[in-house]
N, C-alpha and C. Protein backbone atom coordinates (compact mmCIF):
# COMPACT_ATOMS: atom_id res chain seq x y z
N MET A 1 53.45 -26.01 0.18
CA MET A 1 52.54 -27.20 0.42
C MET A 1 51.19 -26.16 0.64
N ALA A 2 51.23 -25.00 1.48
CA ALA A 2 50.84 -24.07 1.81
C ALA A 2 50.26 -23.67 0.28
N ALA A 3 51.13 -23.32 0.14
CA ALA A 3 50.18 -22.60 -1.37
C ALA A 3 49.45 -23.16 -2.33
N PRO A 4 49.39 -24.58 -2.94
CA PRO A 4 49.30 -24.69 -3.76
C PRO A 4 47.04 -25.02 -2.47
N ARG A 5 47.43 -25.49 -1.31
CA ARG A 5 46.02 -25.35 -0.65
C ARG A 5 45.23 -23.85 -1.02
N VAL A 6 46.16 -23.05 -1.17
CA VAL A 6 45.52 -21.81 -0.68
C VAL A 6 44.59 -21.34 -2.29
N PHE A 7 45.56 -21.50 -3.07
CA PHE A 7 45.25 -21.30 -4.75
C PHE A 7 44.19 -21.92 -4.81
N PHE A 8 43.99 -23.63 -4.92
CA PHE A 8 43.06 -24.47 -4.41
C PHE A 8 41.74 -24.18 -4.22
N LEU A 9 41.91 -23.45 -3.05
CA LEU A 9 40.78 -22.85 -2.60
C LEU A 9 40.26 -21.01 -3.12
N LEU A 10 41.02 -20.44 -3.40
CA LEU A 10 40.98 -19.77 -4.64
C LEU A 10 40.36 -19.54 -5.48
N CYS A 11 40.64 -20.69 -6.02
CA CYS A 11 39.71 -21.18 -7.52
C CYS A 11 38.68 -21.48 -7.07
N LEU A 12 38.35 -22.85 -6.05
CA LEU A 12 37.28 -22.91 -5.37
C LEU A 12 36.18 -22.08 -5.19
N SER A 13 36.66 -21.14 -3.74
CA SER A 13 35.56 -20.19 -3.65
C SER A 13 35.50 -19.14 -5.10
N LEU A 14 36.06 -19.02 -6.38
CA LEU A 14 35.34 -17.96 -7.58
C LEU A 14 34.76 -19.10 -8.43
N VAL A 15 35.16 -20.36 -8.67
CA VAL A 15 34.18 -21.10 -8.81
C VAL A 15 31.93 -21.37 -8.51
N ALA A 16 32.13 -21.13 -6.98
CA ALA A 16 31.18 -21.05 -6.19
C ALA A 16 30.36 -19.79 -7.10
N VAL A 17 31.23 -18.40 -6.48
CA VAL A 17 30.84 -17.44 -6.65
C VAL A 17 30.51 -17.24 -8.07
N TYR A 18 30.70 -18.04 -9.11
CA TYR A 18 30.51 -18.48 -10.47
C TYR A 18 29.20 -18.40 -11.15
N VAL A 19 29.28 -20.14 -10.06
CA VAL A 19 28.28 -20.20 -9.81
C VAL A 19 27.13 -20.25 -9.69
N SER A 20 26.69 -19.03 -8.50
CA SER A 20 25.62 -18.43 -8.02
C SER A 20 25.30 -17.56 -9.08
N ALA A 21 26.03 -16.61 -9.88
CA ALA A 21 25.49 -15.60 -10.33
C ALA A 21 25.63 -15.59 -11.97
N ASP A 22 25.52 -17.00 -12.13
CA ASP A 22 25.05 -17.65 -14.24
C ASP A 22 23.60 -17.73 -13.99
N GLY A 23 23.64 -17.36 -15.17
CA GLY A 23 21.43 -17.57 -15.39
C GLY A 23 21.20 -18.99 -15.16
N SER A 24 21.36 -20.09 -15.17
CA SER A 24 21.04 -21.12 -14.04
C SER A 24 20.79 -20.91 -12.86
N GLY A 25 21.64 -20.28 -12.43
CA GLY A 25 21.08 -20.23 -10.74
C GLY A 25 19.83 -19.11 -10.88
N ALA A 26 19.51 -18.16 -11.51
CA ALA A 26 18.48 -17.62 -10.88
C ALA A 26 17.19 -18.20 -11.39
N HIS A 27 17.30 -19.17 -12.35
CA HIS A 27 16.00 -19.88 -12.08
C HIS A 27 16.01 -21.17 -11.04
N GLY A 28 17.46 -21.40 -10.39
CA GLY A 28 17.62 -22.33 -9.55
C GLY A 28 17.11 -21.65 -8.19
N GLU A 29 17.09 -19.92 -7.99
CA GLU A 29 16.60 -19.29 -6.86
C GLU A 29 14.72 -18.93 -7.11
N LEU A 30 14.27 -19.28 -8.70
CA LEU A 30 12.65 -19.36 -8.35
C LEU A 30 12.58 -20.33 -8.27
N MET A 31 13.09 -21.36 -7.97
CA MET A 31 12.44 -23.14 -7.53
C MET A 31 12.25 -22.44 -6.49
N LYS A 32 13.34 -22.33 -5.92
CA LYS A 32 14.00 -22.08 -4.15
C LYS A 32 12.41 -21.81 -3.82
N TYR A 33 11.89 -20.15 -4.13
CA TYR A 33 11.38 -19.43 -3.66
C TYR A 33 9.81 -19.90 -3.87
N GLY A 34 9.46 -20.90 -4.72
CA GLY A 34 8.33 -22.06 -4.89
C GLY A 34 7.63 -21.54 -6.33
N PHE A 35 8.24 -20.68 -7.72
CA PHE A 35 7.86 -20.53 -8.69
C PHE A 35 8.12 -21.35 -9.97
N PRO A 36 8.17 -21.54 -10.84
CA PRO A 36 8.49 -22.51 -12.17
C PRO A 36 9.42 -21.69 -12.51
N VAL A 37 10.73 -22.48 -13.24
CA VAL A 37 11.03 -21.67 -13.55
C VAL A 37 11.48 -20.61 -14.95
N GLY A 38 9.84 -20.98 -15.97
CA GLY A 38 10.08 -20.63 -17.13
C GLY A 38 8.70 -18.54 -16.39
N LEU A 39 9.44 -18.58 -15.35
CA LEU A 39 8.61 -17.29 -15.92
C LEU A 39 10.24 -16.17 -16.06
N LEU A 40 11.03 -16.99 -16.50
CA LEU A 40 12.55 -15.96 -16.93
C LEU A 40 12.37 -16.50 -18.12
N PRO A 41 13.03 -15.67 -19.36
CA PRO A 41 12.96 -16.04 -20.69
C PRO A 41 14.80 -17.14 -20.21
N ALA A 42 15.10 -17.45 -21.11
CA ALA A 42 15.86 -18.67 -21.76
C ALA A 42 17.62 -17.55 -21.40
N SER A 43 17.31 -16.35 -21.22
CA SER A 43 18.79 -15.44 -21.72
C SER A 43 18.92 -14.74 -20.93
N VAL A 44 18.99 -15.64 -19.68
CA VAL A 44 19.71 -14.44 -18.35
C VAL A 44 21.05 -14.54 -18.38
N GLU A 45 21.68 -13.81 -18.27
CA GLU A 45 23.36 -13.66 -18.49
C GLU A 45 23.69 -13.66 -16.67
N SER A 46 22.72 -12.55 -15.72
CA SER A 46 23.98 -12.49 -14.62
C SER A 46 22.23 -12.06 -13.65
N TYR A 47 22.15 -12.54 -12.52
CA TYR A 47 21.59 -11.89 -11.13
C TYR A 47 22.22 -11.77 -9.85
N THR A 48 21.36 -11.07 -9.67
CA THR A 48 22.00 -10.38 -7.80
C THR A 48 20.48 -10.84 -6.95
N LEU A 49 20.79 -11.71 -6.06
CA LEU A 49 20.11 -11.54 -4.71
C LEU A 49 20.53 -11.40 -3.37
N ASN A 50 19.64 -9.95 -2.56
CA ASN A 50 20.28 -10.25 -1.39
C ASN A 50 18.94 -11.33 -0.75
N ARG A 51 19.59 -11.64 0.15
CA ARG A 51 18.83 -12.46 1.28
C ARG A 51 18.33 -12.36 1.99
N THR A 52 18.88 -11.44 3.10
CA THR A 52 18.06 -10.34 3.96
C THR A 52 17.13 -9.88 3.18
N SER A 53 16.89 -8.82 2.29
CA SER A 53 15.89 -8.03 2.21
C SER A 53 15.40 -9.14 0.88
N GLY A 54 15.39 -10.09 0.10
CA GLY A 54 14.80 -10.39 -0.83
C GLY A 54 14.68 -9.67 -2.02
N PHE A 55 16.05 -8.68 -1.95
CA PHE A 55 15.71 -7.87 -3.50
C PHE A 55 16.57 -8.11 -4.58
N PHE A 56 16.63 -7.95 -5.62
CA PHE A 56 16.33 -8.72 -6.53
C PHE A 56 16.91 -8.41 -8.28
N SER A 57 17.44 -8.55 -8.87
CA SER A 57 18.02 -7.91 -9.79
C SER A 57 18.75 -9.23 -11.42
N VAL A 58 17.84 -8.93 -12.12
CA VAL A 58 18.14 -10.33 -13.03
C VAL A 58 18.83 -9.27 -14.52
N LYS A 59 19.77 -9.78 -15.52
CA LYS A 59 20.20 -8.99 -16.32
C LYS A 59 19.54 -9.96 -17.24
N LEU A 60 19.01 -9.92 -18.97
CA LEU A 60 19.16 -10.47 -20.25
C LEU A 60 20.53 -10.26 -21.13
N GLY A 61 20.89 -10.94 -21.72
CA GLY A 61 21.74 -10.40 -22.37
C GLY A 61 21.43 -9.40 -23.24
N GLU A 62 20.05 -9.39 -23.79
CA GLU A 62 19.14 -7.77 -24.59
C GLU A 62 17.78 -8.21 -24.64
N SER A 63 16.72 -6.59 -24.38
CA SER A 63 15.44 -7.07 -24.18
C SER A 63 15.07 -8.13 -25.17
N CYS A 64 13.94 -8.60 -24.53
CA CYS A 64 13.25 -9.68 -25.57
C CYS A 64 11.87 -9.91 -25.72
N ARG A 65 11.46 -10.22 -26.28
CA ARG A 65 9.75 -10.68 -26.53
C ARG A 65 9.65 -12.62 -26.44
N VAL A 66 8.24 -12.63 -26.14
CA VAL A 66 8.07 -14.13 -25.37
C VAL A 66 6.67 -13.77 -25.58
N THR A 67 5.88 -15.34 -26.41
CA THR A 67 4.66 -15.70 -26.15
C THR A 67 4.33 -16.28 -24.85
N LEU A 68 3.02 -16.29 -24.31
CA LEU A 68 3.32 -15.90 -22.94
C LEU A 68 2.01 -16.85 -22.87
N PRO A 69 2.27 -18.01 -22.46
CA PRO A 69 1.34 -19.51 -22.72
C PRO A 69 -0.15 -19.08 -21.66
N PRO A 70 -1.37 -19.33 -21.31
CA PRO A 70 -1.90 -20.59 -22.80
C PRO A 70 -2.73 -19.82 -23.30
N ASP A 71 -2.24 -18.14 -23.06
CA ASP A 71 -3.38 -17.22 -24.07
C ASP A 71 -2.75 -16.44 -24.97
N ASN A 72 -1.24 -16.89 -25.41
CA ASN A 72 -0.71 -16.40 -26.29
C ASN A 72 -0.75 -14.99 -25.79
N TYR A 73 -0.55 -14.40 -24.94
CA TYR A 73 -0.40 -13.24 -24.93
C TYR A 73 1.06 -12.59 -24.96
N LEU A 74 1.25 -11.74 -25.74
CA LEU A 74 2.71 -11.38 -25.91
C LEU A 74 3.72 -10.42 -24.53
N ALA A 75 4.53 -10.75 -24.57
CA ALA A 75 5.01 -10.20 -23.16
C ALA A 75 6.39 -9.43 -23.91
N THR A 76 6.93 -8.50 -23.38
CA THR A 76 8.63 -7.96 -23.14
C THR A 76 9.56 -7.75 -22.33
N TYR A 77 10.34 -8.22 -21.64
CA TYR A 77 10.86 -8.53 -20.67
C TYR A 77 11.99 -7.31 -20.44
N SER A 78 12.23 -5.96 -19.80
CA SER A 78 13.83 -5.64 -20.54
C SER A 78 14.90 -6.35 -20.10
N HIS A 79 15.69 -5.09 -20.76
CA HIS A 79 17.60 -5.82 -20.13
C HIS A 79 17.13 -6.10 -18.49
N LYS A 80 17.23 -5.72 -18.05
CA LYS A 80 17.30 -5.51 -16.77
C LYS A 80 15.61 -5.90 -16.14
N ILE A 81 15.63 -6.48 -14.55
CA ILE A 81 14.17 -6.70 -14.63
C ILE A 81 14.72 -7.12 -12.56
N THR A 82 13.94 -6.11 -12.06
CA THR A 82 14.09 -6.01 -10.60
C THR A 82 12.54 -6.29 -9.69
N GLY A 83 13.09 -6.61 -8.26
CA GLY A 83 11.77 -6.81 -7.32
C GLY A 83 11.88 -6.81 -6.73
N LYS A 84 11.16 -7.97 -5.95
CA LYS A 84 11.55 -8.91 -4.20
C LYS A 84 10.73 -9.68 -4.20
N LEU A 85 11.68 -10.41 -3.72
CA LEU A 85 11.68 -12.46 -3.99
C LEU A 85 11.38 -12.74 -2.54
N VAL A 86 9.91 -13.33 -2.29
CA VAL A 86 10.25 -13.93 -0.61
C VAL A 86 9.34 -15.13 -1.63
N GLU A 87 9.44 -15.92 -0.14
CA GLU A 87 9.06 -17.46 -0.49
C GLU A 87 7.29 -16.95 -0.88
N ASN A 88 6.62 -17.39 -1.77
CA ASN A 88 5.63 -17.95 -3.34
C ASN A 88 4.87 -16.19 -3.42
N ARG A 89 5.91 -15.41 -3.32
CA ARG A 89 5.07 -14.41 -3.90
C ARG A 89 6.78 -13.41 -4.66
N ILE A 90 5.86 -12.51 -5.16
CA ILE A 90 7.58 -11.38 -5.96
C ILE A 90 6.49 -10.40 -5.84
N ALA A 91 7.13 -9.15 -5.39
CA ALA A 91 6.90 -7.63 -4.93
C ALA A 91 7.31 -6.95 -5.95
N GLU A 92 6.95 -5.69 -5.59
CA GLU A 92 7.76 -4.63 -6.31
C GLU A 92 8.18 -4.95 -8.05
N LEU A 93 7.90 -5.66 -8.56
CA LEU A 93 8.27 -6.44 -10.13
C LEU A 93 8.21 -5.29 -11.01
N ASP A 94 9.78 -4.92 -11.70
CA ASP A 94 9.41 -3.94 -12.83
C ASP A 94 10.62 -4.27 -13.88
N GLY A 95 9.84 -4.55 -15.21
CA GLY A 95 10.81 -4.79 -16.06
C GLY A 95 9.93 -5.49 -16.92
N ILE A 96 9.40 -6.46 -17.10
CA ILE A 96 8.13 -7.53 -17.24
C ILE A 96 6.98 -6.38 -18.18
N SER A 97 6.58 -6.53 -19.45
CA SER A 97 5.18 -6.20 -19.63
C SER A 97 4.07 -6.96 -20.24
N VAL A 98 3.31 -6.73 -20.64
CA VAL A 98 2.36 -8.05 -21.33
C VAL A 98 1.19 -7.09 -22.07
N ARG A 99 0.92 -7.38 -23.17
CA ARG A 99 -0.08 -6.43 -23.83
C ARG A 99 -1.06 -7.19 -23.66
N ALA A 100 -2.13 -6.70 -23.32
CA ALA A 100 -3.77 -7.17 -23.00
C ALA A 100 -4.80 -5.66 -23.70
N PHE A 101 -5.57 -6.12 -23.88
CA PHE A 101 -6.64 -5.14 -24.02
C PHE A 101 -5.89 -4.20 -25.49
N PHE A 102 -5.20 -4.57 -26.39
CA PHE A 102 -4.51 -2.99 -26.61
C PHE A 102 -3.78 -2.18 -26.09
N LYS A 103 -3.01 -2.63 -25.07
CA LYS A 103 -2.20 -1.33 -24.44
C LYS A 103 -1.67 -2.51 -23.33
N TRP A 104 -0.24 -1.66 -23.47
CA TRP A 104 1.09 -2.86 -22.49
C TRP A 104 0.63 -2.64 -21.03
N TRP A 105 1.18 -3.59 -20.51
CA TRP A 105 0.39 -3.15 -18.66
C TRP A 105 1.53 -3.89 -18.33
N GLY A 106 2.13 -2.95 -17.18
CA GLY A 106 3.81 -3.31 -16.49
C GLY A 106 3.12 -4.54 -15.47
N ILE A 107 3.55 -5.46 -15.25
CA ILE A 107 3.44 -7.18 -13.72
C ILE A 107 3.99 -6.39 -12.87
N THR A 108 3.23 -6.02 -12.16
CA THR A 108 3.45 -5.41 -10.27
C THR A 108 4.29 -6.77 -9.65
N GLY A 109 3.47 -7.77 -9.72
CA GLY A 109 3.86 -8.67 -8.93
C GLY A 109 3.56 -10.33 -9.60
N ILE A 110 3.85 -11.27 -8.74
CA ILE A 110 3.22 -12.26 -8.98
C ILE A 110 2.95 -13.27 -7.71
N ARG A 111 1.74 -13.94 -7.35
CA ARG A 111 1.68 -15.10 -6.31
C ARG A 111 1.79 -16.29 -6.59
N SER A 112 2.36 -17.22 -6.12
CA SER A 112 2.67 -18.66 -6.20
C SER A 112 1.52 -19.08 -5.41
N SER A 113 0.29 -19.15 -5.82
CA SER A 113 -0.91 -19.85 -5.28
C SER A 113 -1.42 -21.81 -5.65
N GLY A 114 -1.04 -22.49 -4.61
CA GLY A 114 -1.31 -23.56 -5.21
C GLY A 114 -1.00 -23.99 -6.39
N GLN A 115 -1.54 -24.63 -7.35
CA GLN A 115 -0.87 -24.97 -8.66
C GLN A 115 -1.08 -23.78 -9.23
N ASP A 116 -1.43 -22.75 -8.80
CA ASP A 116 -1.62 -21.75 -9.91
C ASP A 116 -0.36 -19.83 -9.93
N LEU A 117 -0.41 -19.54 -10.24
CA LEU A 117 0.36 -18.09 -10.26
C LEU A 117 -0.65 -17.01 -10.77
N VAL A 118 -0.55 -16.13 -9.46
CA VAL A 118 -1.67 -15.15 -9.95
C VAL A 118 -0.38 -13.79 -9.97
N PHE A 119 -0.92 -13.39 -10.93
CA PHE A 119 -0.36 -12.24 -12.04
C PHE A 119 -1.01 -10.74 -11.38
N GLU A 120 -0.29 -10.08 -10.81
CA GLU A 120 -0.61 -8.74 -10.33
C GLU A 120 -0.41 -7.48 -11.70
N VAL A 121 -1.46 -6.89 -11.88
CA VAL A 121 -1.27 -5.63 -12.77
C VAL A 121 -1.80 -4.32 -11.73
N GLY A 122 -0.89 -4.07 -10.99
CA GLY A 122 -1.55 -3.14 -10.53
C GLY A 122 -3.05 -3.04 -9.18
N VAL A 123 -4.13 -3.38 -9.21
CA VAL A 123 -4.65 -3.40 -8.82
C VAL A 123 -5.30 -4.96 -9.46
N VAL A 124 -5.59 -4.77 -10.57
CA VAL A 124 -6.25 -5.98 -11.42
C VAL A 124 -4.93 -7.93 -10.97
N THR A 125 -5.70 -8.57 -10.79
CA THR A 125 -5.39 -10.09 -10.98
C THR A 125 -5.51 -11.16 -12.44
N ALA A 126 -4.66 -12.04 -12.61
CA ALA A 126 -5.35 -12.86 -13.36
C ALA A 126 -4.57 -14.00 -12.93
N LYS A 127 -4.97 -15.03 -12.94
CA LYS A 127 -4.34 -16.43 -12.49
C LYS A 127 -4.69 -17.52 -13.85
N TYR A 128 -3.10 -17.80 -13.28
CA TYR A 128 -3.35 -18.83 -14.38
C TYR A 128 -2.11 -20.77 -13.87
N PRO A 129 -2.61 -21.68 -14.45
CA PRO A 129 -1.66 -22.88 -14.09
C PRO A 129 -0.35 -22.36 -14.16
N ALA A 130 0.55 -22.56 -12.36
CA ALA A 130 1.72 -22.34 -12.85
C ALA A 130 2.74 -23.38 -13.75
N LYS A 131 2.34 -24.82 -13.96
CA LYS A 131 2.64 -25.40 -15.28
C LYS A 131 2.53 -25.06 -16.59
N ASN A 132 2.23 -24.33 -16.60
CA ASN A 132 2.09 -23.73 -18.43
C ASN A 132 3.04 -23.05 -18.25
N PHE A 133 4.18 -22.94 -16.87
CA PHE A 133 5.45 -21.98 -17.12
C PHE A 133 6.45 -22.49 -16.80
N ASP A 134 6.17 -24.70 -17.10
CA ASP A 134 7.77 -25.01 -15.95
C ASP A 134 8.88 -24.44 -16.90
N GLN A 135 8.62 -23.96 -18.52
CA GLN A 135 9.95 -24.10 -19.56
C GLN A 135 9.84 -22.65 -19.31
N SER A 136 11.85 -22.53 -19.54
CA SER A 136 11.81 -20.95 -19.74
C SER A 136 11.88 -20.89 -21.20
N PRO A 137 10.75 -19.56 -21.29
CA PRO A 137 10.42 -19.24 -23.06
C PRO A 137 11.96 -18.69 -23.57
N LEU A 138 12.20 -18.95 -24.96
CA LEU A 138 13.34 -18.57 -25.58
C LEU A 138 12.30 -16.60 -26.10
N CYS A 139 13.28 -15.71 -26.03
CA CYS A 139 13.21 -14.75 -26.47
C CYS A 139 12.96 -14.59 -28.67
N GLU A 140 12.19 -14.22 -28.74
CA GLU A 140 11.37 -14.28 -29.75
C GLU A 140 12.27 -13.15 -30.80
N GLY A 141 12.78 -12.40 -30.31
CA GLY A 141 13.91 -11.24 -30.94
C GLY A 141 13.72 -9.69 -30.22
N SER A 142 14.60 -9.48 -30.90
CA SER A 142 14.59 -8.01 -29.31
C SER A 142 13.98 -6.89 -29.73
N HIS A 143 13.55 -5.95 -28.86
CA HIS A 143 12.57 -4.96 -28.97
C HIS A 143 13.29 -4.01 -28.20
N SER A 144 13.88 -3.03 -29.12
CA SER A 144 14.21 -1.72 -29.13
C SER A 144 13.96 -0.73 -28.44
N SER A 145 12.66 -0.89 -28.32
CA SER A 145 12.08 0.51 -27.84
C SER A 145 12.08 0.14 -25.99
N LEU A 146 12.45 -1.24 -25.63
CA LEU A 146 12.50 -0.98 -23.75
C LEU A 146 13.58 -0.45 -23.62
């Protein structure tokens, strides 16, 4: 009788670990910290999050390109995205770049401010309505130079 119970508990714990590490979990974590799911593309394969320090790593199936609303900026996501996640703030962000003014810029942080998101590119910021990021973008294709 004890062996089936132990086996059941082991299977249950494996399912819990899998659910916390799948792609939908990464999008759910964003929501827990005050961000819309559309900050990450739909192609998330896995993630890790240290709940004590806030440091995270997100892995995509491959690097990809998306067009970001509302101004149709071209953005690239590296295969691996890292940063520090705390309530209403993503800091030390690495792995997301956006093309503006004929140049690629690395997004270094994102803040949630009321109904808006404030994107940080070094000391420069740009504010956009959070509702523009309610849906995860689909990758438009691989970006082999990342």
